[in-house]
Amino acid sequence: MPRGRYSLHDPHDHTPLGDERFQCATGPSGWRYVSTTTYASGAPAGSADLAIDALGRPIRLQLRSADWQVRAAALDGVTWVRTDPSGEHATEGNVRAHAFTGASPAFYVALARLLRLTPGGPSTRVRLVCFTAPVLAPLTVDQSWSLVDRTPHTTDNGILEVDEYQVSALDTGERHTVHLAGDVVLSAPGIELEELESPPSVFD
């Protein structure tokens, strides 16, 4: 069960934004990731709880940020309920999309599991609902994912394969690179793995 800490920063000017402490685990029914985030000051910022099934589909998502809350799942596309800070009002949404994304590194792992791309194979287009910080406003985005390379690395616990993905935003053409090892993000825009107490889990 990997657990550790990611540091979060602005991908453009590298201003520190805070930390995300996480733990995650694989199982016969899928994968679950839970985390808490703090601002750079150390004050609480929010939390994430994501569970995907064995095929990578999001079966449960709960996000908290700035007192806003989202509960979501894959249902007739993807469906969510977003609650305001007062707790008095809730808005529902539904989009014909494949999955969710947002600030948490968990979304990279979940989407890679859903797509199951082949190294050097063709890119895949995917539609996502992005919950943008800090108020978790939903935004539908289209991305293109390709698995550029898979590199084995020798570790004390055996061979660890690192996947290099290229992710393109189809509305702007902006591209970035994401490196994953099992169910841990090694690096991505605005994300750096700072601590890892146990090796990444490897999906079947």
C-alpha atoms as a PDB file:
ATOM      1  CA  MET A   1       0.000   0.000   0.000  1.00  0.00           C
ATOM      2  CA  PRO A   2       1.975   3.007  -1.228  1.00  0.00           C
ATOM      3  CA  ARG A   3       1.800   6.134   0.874  1.00  0.00           C
ATOM      4  CA  GLY A   4       3.740   9.337   0.578  1.00  0.00           C
ATOM      5  CA  ARG A   5       3.698  13.023  -0.253  1.00  0.00           C
ATOM      6  CA  TYR A   6       3.476  15.053  -3.433  1.00  0.00           C
ATOM      7  CA  SER A   7       4.506  18.691  -3.564  1.00  0.00           C
ATOM      8  CA  LEU A   8       2.227  20.906  -5.651  1.00  0.00           C
ATOM      9  CA  HIS A   9       3.311  24.047  -7.455  1.00  0.00           C
ATOM     10  CA  ASP A  10       2.165  26.378 -10.202  1.00  0.00           C
ATOM     11  CA  PRO A  11       3.304  24.708 -13.462  1.00  0.00           C
ATOM     12  CA  HIS A  12       4.073  28.092 -15.049  1.00  0.00           C
ATOM     13  CA  ASP A  13       6.026  30.060 -12.441  1.00  0.00           C
ATOM     14  CA  HIS A  14       6.697  27.194  -9.960  1.00  0.00           C
ATOM     15  CA  THR A  15       5.154  29.026  -7.015  1.00  0.00           C
ATOM     16  CA  PRO A  16       4.668  26.470  -4.201  1.00  0.00           C
ATOM     17  CA  LEU A  17       0.978  25.704  -3.679  1.00  0.00           C
ATOM     18  CA  GLY A  18       1.156  23.069  -0.949  1.00  0.00           C
ATOM     19  CA  ASP A  19       1.347  19.331  -0.397  1.00  0.00           C
ATOM     20  CA  GLU A  20      -0.830  16.284  -0.946  1.00  0.00           C
ATOM     21  CA  ARG A  21      -0.362  13.355   1.447  1.00  0.00           C
ATOM     22  CA  PHE A  22      -1.770  10.141   0.051  1.00  0.00           C
ATOM     23  CA  GLN A  23      -2.172   6.426   0.342  1.00  0.00           C
ATOM     24  CA  CYS A  24      -3.493   4.047  -2.290  1.00  0.00           C
ATOM     25  CA  ALA A  25      -4.032   0.352  -2.789  1.00  0.00           C
ATOM     26  CA  THR A  26      -4.934  -2.137  -5.502  1.00  0.00           C
ATOM     27  CA  GLY A  27      -7.363  -4.989  -5.008  1.00  0.00           C
ATOM     28  CA  PRO A  28      -9.405  -7.540  -6.963  1.00  0.00           C
ATOM     29  CA  SER A  29     -12.193  -4.998  -7.409  1.00  0.00           C
ATOM     30  CA  GLY A  30      -9.976  -2.118  -8.565  1.00  0.00           C
ATOM     31  CA  TRP A  31      -7.937   0.669  -6.956  1.00  0.00           C
ATOM     32  CA  ARG A  32      -8.562   3.308  -4.283  1.00  0.00           C
ATOM     33  CA  TYR A  33      -6.724   6.537  -3.519  1.00  0.00           C
ATOM     34  CA  VAL A  34      -7.284   8.829  -0.525  1.00  0.00           C
ATOM     35  CA  SER A  35      -5.453  12.036   0.268  1.00  0.00           C
ATOM     36  CA  THR A  36      -5.469  15.300   2.159  1.00  0.00           C
ATOM     37  CA  THR A  37      -4.038  18.541   0.824  1.00  0.00           C
ATOM     38  CA  THR A  38      -2.571  21.532   2.604  1.00  0.00           C
ATOM     39  CA  TYR A  39      -1.697  25.013   1.399  1.00  0.00           C
ATOM     40  CA  ALA A  40       1.921  26.172   1.397  1.00  0.00           C
ATOM     41  CA  SER A  41       1.177  27.763   4.788  1.00  0.00           C
ATOM     42  CA  GLY A  42       0.275  24.345   6.183  1.00  0.00           C
ATOM     43  CA  ALA A  43      -3.437  25.163   6.510  1.00  0.00           C
ATOM     44  CA  PRO A  44      -5.894  22.446   5.378  1.00  0.00           C
ATOM     45  CA  ALA A  45      -6.918  22.804   1.731  1.00  0.00           C
ATOM     46  CA  GLY A  46      -9.089  19.810   0.944  1.00  0.00           C
ATOM     47  CA  SER A  47      -9.223  16.077   0.327  1.00  0.00           C
ATOM     48  CA  ALA A  48      -9.754  13.472  -2.374  1.00  0.00           C
ATOM     49  CA  ASP A  49     -11.185   9.955  -2.298  1.00  0.00           C
ATOM     50  CA  LEU A  50     -11.264   8.119  -5.626  1.00  0.00           C
ATOM     51  CA  ALA A  51     -12.162   4.496  -6.298  1.00  0.00           C
ATOM     52  CA  ILE A  52     -12.030   2.852  -9.721  1.00  0.00           C
ATOM     53  CA  ASP A  53     -13.157  -0.619 -10.727  1.00  0.00           C
ATOM     54  CA  ALA A  54     -11.021  -3.300 -12.357  1.00  0.00           C
ATOM     55  CA  LEU A  55     -11.561  -1.686 -15.771  1.00  0.00           C
ATOM     56  CA  GLY A  56     -10.507   1.759 -14.559  1.00  0.00           C
ATOM     57  CA  ARG A  57     -13.977   3.289 -14.447  1.00  0.00           C
ATOM     58  CA  PRO A  58     -14.608   5.779 -11.618  1.00  0.00           C
ATOM     59  CA  ILE A  59     -17.135   4.141  -9.318  1.00  0.00           C
ATOM     60  CA  ARG A  60     -16.832   6.713  -6.534  1.00  0.00           C
ATOM     61  CA  LEU A  61     -15.273  10.146  -6.269  1.00  0.00           C
ATOM     62  CA  GLN A  62     -15.455  12.601  -3.400  1.00  0.00           C
ATOM     63  CA  LEU A  63     -13.594  15.910  -3.471  1.00  0.00           C
ATOM     64  CA  ARG A  64     -13.460  18.730  -0.928  1.00  0.00           C
ATOM     65  CA  SER A  65     -11.909  22.139  -1.513  1.00  0.00           C
ATOM     66  CA  ALA A  66     -12.549  25.526   0.098  1.00  0.00           C
ATOM     67  CA  ASP A  67     -15.649  24.056   1.786  1.00  0.00           C
ATOM     68  CA  TRP A  68     -17.059  22.993  -1.595  1.00  0.00           C
ATOM     69  CA  GLN A  69     -17.819  19.316  -2.064  1.00  0.00           C
ATOM     70  CA  VAL A  70     -18.319  17.046  -5.063  1.00  0.00           C
ATOM     71  CA  ARG A  71     -19.621  13.496  -5.098  1.00  0.00           C
ATOM     72  CA  ALA A  72     -19.424  11.762  -8.461  1.00  0.00           C
ATOM     73  CA  ALA A  73     -19.370   8.438 -10.310  1.00  0.00           C
ATOM     74  CA  ALA A  74     -19.567   6.906 -13.764  1.00  0.00           C
ATOM     75  CA  LEU A  75     -23.315   6.768 -14.454  1.00  0.00           C
ATOM     76  CA  ASP A  76     -24.824   7.434 -17.907  1.00  0.00           C
ATOM     77  CA  GLY A  77     -21.473   8.933 -18.806  1.00  0.00           C
ATOM     78  CA  VAL A  78     -20.323  10.699 -15.654  1.00  0.00           C
ATOM     79  CA  THR A  79     -22.616  12.219 -13.043  1.00  0.00           C
ATOM     80  CA  TRP A  80     -21.899  14.474 -10.084  1.00  0.00           C
ATOM     81  CA  VAL A  81     -23.465  16.524  -7.314  1.00  0.00           C
ATOM     82  CA  ARG A  82     -21.696  19.727  -6.249  1.00  0.00           C
ATOM     83  CA  THR A  83     -22.553  21.321  -2.918  1.00  0.00           C
ATOM     84  CA  ASP A  84     -21.866  24.957  -1.964  1.00  0.00           C
ATOM     85  CA  PRO A  85     -20.021  25.964   1.243  1.00  0.00           C
ATOM     86  CA  SER A  86     -23.248  26.697   3.116  1.00  0.00           C
ATOM     87  CA  GLY A  87     -24.563  23.218   2.391  1.00  0.00           C
ATOM     88  CA  GLU A  88     -27.946  24.675   1.493  1.00  0.00           C
ATOM     89  CA  HIS A  89     -27.778  24.193  -2.253  1.00  0.00           C
ATOM     90  CA  ALA A  90     -26.660  21.337  -4.480  1.00  0.00           C
ATOM     91  CA  THR A  91     -26.384  21.241  -8.255  1.00  0.00           C
ATOM     92  CA  GLU A  92     -26.349  18.081 -10.336  1.00  0.00           C
ATOM     93  CA  GLY A  93     -24.506  17.515 -13.575  1.00  0.00           C
ATOM     94  CA  ASN A  94     -24.174  14.815 -16.196  1.00  0.00           C
ATOM     95  CA  VAL A  95     -21.939  14.663 -19.270  1.00  0.00           C
ATOM     96  CA  ARG A  96     -21.234  11.979 -21.859  1.00  0.00           C
ATOM     97  CA  ALA A  97     -17.597  11.686 -20.807  1.00  0.00           C
ATOM     98  CA  HIS A  98     -15.193   8.868 -19.965  1.00  0.00           C
ATOM     99  CA  ALA A  99     -13.917   9.922 -16.535  1.00  0.00           C
ATOM    100  CA  PHE A 100     -12.897  12.802 -14.276  1.00  0.00           C
ATOM    101  CA  THR A 101      -9.777  14.872 -13.803  1.00  0.00           C
ATOM    102  CA  GLY A 102      -8.572  17.633 -11.525  1.00  0.00           C
ATOM    103  CA  ALA A 103      -5.640  18.793  -9.419  1.00  0.00           C
ATOM    104  CA  SER A 104      -4.963  15.490  -7.633  1.00  0.00           C
ATOM    105  CA  PRO A 105      -2.280  13.152  -9.032  1.00  0.00           C
ATOM    106  CA  ALA A 106      -4.808  10.340  -8.553  1.00  0.00           C
ATOM    107  CA  PHE A 107      -6.534  11.266 -11.793  1.00  0.00           C
ATOM    108  CA  TYR A 108      -3.433  10.521 -13.888  1.00  0.00           C
ATOM    109  CA  VAL A 109      -3.185   7.003 -12.468  1.00  0.00           C
ATOM    110  CA  ALA A 110      -6.896   6.347 -12.874  1.00  0.00           C
ATOM    111  CA  LEU A 111      -6.986   7.524 -16.467  1.00  0.00           C
ATOM    112  CA  ALA A 112      -3.900   5.544 -17.449  1.00  0.00           C
ATOM    113  CA  ARG A 113      -5.612   2.482 -15.991  1.00  0.00           C
ATOM    114  CA  LEU A 114      -8.775   3.216 -17.957  1.00  0.00           C
ATOM    115  CA  LEU A 115      -6.993   3.728 -21.288  1.00  0.00           C
ATOM    116  CA  ARG A 116      -4.444   0.873 -21.029  1.00  0.00           C
ATOM    117  CA  LEU A 117      -2.338   2.180 -23.873  1.00  0.00           C
ATOM    118  CA  THR A 118       0.420   0.296 -25.681  1.00  0.00           C
ATOM    119  CA  PRO A 119       3.958   1.770 -25.762  1.00  0.00           C
ATOM    120  CA  GLY A 120       4.508   3.424 -29.113  1.00  0.00           C
ATOM    121  CA  GLY A 121       0.887   2.841 -30.100  1.00  0.00           C
ATOM    122  CA  PRO A 122      -1.566   5.412 -31.435  1.00  0.00           C
ATOM    123  CA  SER A 123      -2.882   8.208 -29.272  1.00  0.00           C
ATOM    124  CA  THR A 124      -6.367   8.000 -27.777  1.00  0.00           C
ATOM    125  CA  ARG A 125      -8.847  10.827 -27.464  1.00  0.00           C
ATOM    126  CA  VAL A 126     -10.726  11.076 -24.191  1.00  0.00           C
ATOM    127  CA  ARG A 127     -13.415  13.423 -22.844  1.00  0.00           C
ATOM    128  CA  LEU A 128     -13.168  14.323 -19.168  1.00  0.00           C
ATOM    129  CA  VAL A 129     -14.951  16.433 -16.579  1.00  0.00           C
ATOM    130  CA  CYS A 130     -12.372  18.543 -14.770  1.00  0.00           C
ATOM    131  CA  PHE A 131     -13.158  19.905 -11.302  1.00  0.00           C
ATOM    132  CA  THR A 132     -11.148  23.110 -11.106  1.00  0.00           C
ATOM    133  CA  ALA A 133      -9.713  24.485  -7.873  1.00  0.00           C
ATOM    134  CA  PRO A 134     -10.555  26.025  -5.540  1.00  0.00           C
ATOM    135  CA  VAL A 135     -14.357  25.859  -5.908  1.00  0.00           C
ATOM    136  CA  LEU A 136     -14.530  22.550  -7.840  1.00  0.00           C
ATOM    137  CA  ALA A 137     -16.314  24.093 -10.808  1.00  0.00           C
ATOM    138  CA  PRO A 138     -16.936  21.404 -13.477  1.00  0.00           C
ATOM    139  CA  LEU A 139     -15.401  21.910 -16.912  1.00  0.00           C
ATOM    140  CA  THR A 140     -15.604  19.452 -19.814  1.00  0.00           C
ATOM    141  CA  VAL A 141     -12.253  19.003 -21.569  1.00  0.00           C
ATOM    142  CA  ASP A 142     -10.964  16.870 -24.435  1.00  0.00           C
ATOM    143  CA  GLN A 143      -7.484  15.392 -24.268  1.00  0.00           C
ATOM    144  CA  SER A 144      -5.297  13.105 -26.337  1.00  0.00           C
ATOM    145  CA  TRP A 145      -3.153  10.530 -24.524  1.00  0.00           C
ATOM    146  CA  SER A 146      -0.290   8.454 -25.898  1.00  0.00           C
ATOM    147  CA  LEU A 147       2.140   6.097 -24.147  1.00  0.00           C
ATOM    148  CA  VAL A 148       5.482   7.182 -25.553  1.00  0.00           C
ATOM    149  CA  ASP A 149       7.785   4.751 -23.770  1.00  0.00           C
ATOM    150  CA  ARG A 150       8.001   2.145 -21.010  1.00  0.00           C
ATOM    151  CA  THR A 151      11.398   1.869 -19.343  1.00  0.00           C
ATOM    152  CA  PRO A 152      12.367  -0.854 -16.823  1.00  0.00           C
ATOM    153  CA  HIS A 153      14.398   0.235 -13.799  1.00  0.00           C
ATOM    154  CA  THR A 154      16.161  -2.106 -11.380  1.00  0.00           C
ATOM    155  CA  THR A 155      15.271  -1.464  -7.719  1.00  0.00           C
ATOM    156  CA  ASP A 156      15.795  -3.269  -4.405  1.00  0.00           C
ATOM    157  CA  ASN A 157      12.305  -4.701  -4.854  1.00  0.00           C
ATOM    158  CA  GLY A 158      12.804  -5.931  -8.406  1.00  0.00           C
ATOM    159  CA  ILE A 159      12.085  -4.387 -11.778  1.00  0.00           C
ATOM    160  CA  LEU A 160       9.989  -1.232 -11.785  1.00  0.00           C
ATOM    161  CA  GLU A 161       8.566  -0.073 -15.097  1.00  0.00           C
ATOM    162  CA  VAL A 162       8.187   3.668 -15.658  1.00  0.00           C
ATOM    163  CA  ASP A 163       5.664   4.822 -18.248  1.00  0.00           C
ATOM    164  CA  GLU A 164       6.075   8.108 -20.094  1.00  0.00           C
ATOM    165  CA  TYR A 165       2.797   9.591 -21.351  1.00  0.00           C
ATOM    166  CA  GLN A 166       2.268  12.562 -23.594  1.00  0.00           C
ATOM    167  CA  VAL A 167      -0.957  14.405 -22.857  1.00  0.00           C
ATOM    168  CA  SER A 168      -2.344  17.033 -25.237  1.00  0.00           C
ATOM    169  CA  ALA A 169      -5.167  19.479 -24.606  1.00  0.00           C
ATOM    170  CA  LEU A 170      -7.207  19.395 -27.816  1.00  0.00           C
ATOM    171  CA  ASP A 171      -8.658  22.879 -27.373  1.00  0.00           C
ATOM    172  CA  THR A 172      -5.300  24.665 -27.015  1.00  0.00           C
ATOM    173  CA  GLY A 173      -2.776  22.191 -28.415  1.00  0.00           C
ATOM    174  CA  GLU A 174      -0.731  22.442 -25.209  1.00  0.00           C
ATOM    175  CA  ARG A 175       1.266  19.291 -24.466  1.00  0.00           C
ATOM    176  CA  HIS A 176       2.863  17.954 -21.321  1.00  0.00           C
ATOM    177  CA  THR A 177       4.576  14.793 -20.116  1.00  0.00           C
ATOM    178  CA  VAL A 178       3.547  12.554 -17.240  1.00  0.00           C
ATOM    179  CA  HIS A 179       5.717   9.806 -15.725  1.00  0.00           C
ATOM    180  CA  LEU A 180       3.993   6.975 -13.840  1.00  0.00           C
ATOM    181  CA  ALA A 181       5.356   3.951 -11.996  1.00  0.00           C
ATOM    182  CA  GLY A 182       2.548   1.577 -11.135  1.00  0.00           C
ATOM    183  CA  ASP A 183       0.015   3.592  -9.148  1.00  0.00           C
ATOM    184  CA  VAL A 184       2.364   6.450  -8.285  1.00  0.00           C
ATOM    185  CA  VAL A 185       2.986   9.656 -10.258  1.00  0.00           C
ATOM    186  CA  LEU A 186       6.718  10.337 -10.452  1.00  0.00           C
ATOM    187  CA  SER A 187       6.325  13.703 -12.143  1.00  0.00           C
ATOM    188  CA  ALA A 188       3.707  15.758 -13.963  1.00  0.00           C
ATOM    189  CA  PRO A 189       3.066  19.480 -14.493  1.00  0.00           C
ATOM    190  CA  GLY A 190       2.814  21.073 -11.060  1.00  0.00           C
ATOM    191  CA  ILE A 191       3.413  17.743  -9.281  1.00  0.00           C
ATOM    192  CA  GLU A 192       6.563  16.218  -7.797  1.00  0.00           C
ATOM    193  CA  LEU A 193       6.824  13.043  -5.724  1.00  0.00           C
ATOM    194  CA  GLU A 194       8.721  14.021  -2.565  1.00  0.00           C
ATOM    195  CA  GLU A 195       8.242  11.021  -0.241  1.00  0.00           C
ATOM    196  CA  LEU A 196       7.282   7.386  -0.779  1.00  0.00           C
ATOM    197  CA  GLU A 197       7.218   4.998   2.169  1.00  0.00           C
ATOM    198  CA  SER A 198       6.668   1.805   0.176  1.00  0.00           C
ATOM    199  CA  PRO A 199       7.061   0.762  -3.481  1.00  0.00           C
ATOM    200  CA  PRO A 200       4.316   1.473  -6.016  1.00  0.00           C
ATOM    201  CA  SER A 201       1.683  -1.192  -6.566  1.00  0.00           C
ATOM    202  CA  VAL A 202       1.730  -2.870  -9.960  1.00  0.00           C
ATOM    203  CA  PHE A 203      -1.530  -3.411 -11.802  1.00  0.00           C
ATOM    204  CA  ASP A 204      -2.185  -6.814 -13.347  1.00  0.00           C
END
